Amino acid sequence: MKCERCLGPMVSERVLYQGRVFHMWKCLMCGDLIDWIILLNRSDPSLVEEALNEKSEEMFQEEVRSHCA
């Protein structure tokens, strides 16, 4: 997977925040972080609040993988 900003290599990373583990992609060159909320917000910001209320992170992991493939 390549970074959209600098075309550098991206790696999967787990981040612990407020007691929860989030799965993200991190660029090794510029440090850009991408997760399912960022991808959803970039596609349609109005869907973020709805998605947080209705869907779990696991459902979006597949969307992240398909977007990054």
Protein backbone atom coordinates (compact mmCIF):
# COMPACT_ATOMS: atom_id res chain seq x y z
CA MET A 1 0.00 0.00 0.00
CA LYS A 2 1.23 3.51 -0.83
CA CYS A 3 0.58 6.79 0.98
CA GLU A 4 -1.75 9.19 -0.83
CA ARG A 5 0.37 12.17 0.30
CA CYS A 6 3.95 11.15 -0.47
CA LEU A 7 3.63 7.69 -2.10
CA GLY A 8 5.71 6.21 0.72
CA PRO A 9 5.10 2.73 2.15
CA MET A 10 2.25 2.26 4.64
CA VAL A 11 2.17 -0.20 7.53
CA SER A 12 -0.68 -1.43 9.70
CA GLU A 13 -0.56 -0.05 13.22
CA ARG A 14 -2.63 -0.54 16.35
CA VAL A 15 -3.19 2.55 18.48
CA LEU A 16 -4.46 2.48 22.07
CA TYR A 17 -6.67 5.50 22.80
CA GLN A 18 -8.88 5.87 25.88
CA GLY A 19 -8.79 2.15 26.56
CA ARG A 20 -9.75 1.11 23.01
CA VAL A 21 -7.56 -0.31 20.28
CA PHE A 22 -7.87 1.28 16.84
CA HIS A 23 -6.39 -0.17 13.67
CA MET A 24 -4.78 2.39 11.40
CA TRP A 25 -2.42 2.65 8.44
CA LYS A 26 0.71 4.76 9.00
CA CYS A 27 3.10 6.08 6.35
CA LEU A 28 6.72 5.31 7.14
CA MET A 29 7.91 8.40 5.27
CA CYS A 30 5.59 11.29 6.26
CA GLY A 31 3.74 9.79 9.25
CA ASP A 32 0.24 10.21 7.76
CA LEU A 33 -2.34 8.13 9.65
CA ILE A 34 -5.48 6.71 8.03
CA ASP A 35 -8.30 4.83 9.73
CA TRP A 36 -11.89 4.00 8.84
CA ILE A 37 -13.27 7.28 10.19
CA ILE A 38 -10.80 9.34 8.15
CA LEU A 39 -11.64 7.42 4.98
CA LEU A 40 -15.37 7.78 5.61
CA ASN A 41 -15.01 11.50 6.35
CA ARG A 42 -13.06 12.04 3.13
CA SER A 43 -15.74 10.28 1.11
CA ASP A 44 -18.79 11.93 2.75
CA PRO A 45 -18.42 13.90 6.00
CA SER A 46 -22.16 13.76 6.74
CA LEU A 47 -21.96 9.98 7.17
CA VAL A 48 -19.43 9.99 10.02
CA GLU A 49 -21.84 10.58 12.91
CA GLU A 50 -24.36 8.12 11.46
CA ALA A 51 -21.67 5.49 10.99
CA LEU A 52 -20.38 5.89 14.52
CA ASN A 53 -23.86 5.31 15.84
CA GLU A 54 -24.83 2.39 13.60
CA LYS A 55 -21.73 0.44 12.62
CA SER A 56 -18.80 -1.07 14.43
CA GLU A 57 -15.15 -0.61 13.57
CA GLU A 58 -14.90 -4.20 12.37
CA MET A 59 -17.43 -3.52 9.59
CA PHE A 60 -15.28 -0.69 8.32
CA GLN A 61 -12.02 -2.63 8.43
CA GLU A 62 -13.07 -4.40 5.23
CA GLU A 63 -13.80 -1.01 3.62
CA VAL A 64 -10.35 0.23 4.64
CA ARG A 65 -8.71 -2.87 3.18
CA SER A 66 -10.62 -2.56 -0.11
CA HIS A 67 -9.84 1.18 -0.35
CA CYS A 68 -6.14 0.60 0.27
CA ALA A 69 -5.76 -2.36 -2.07
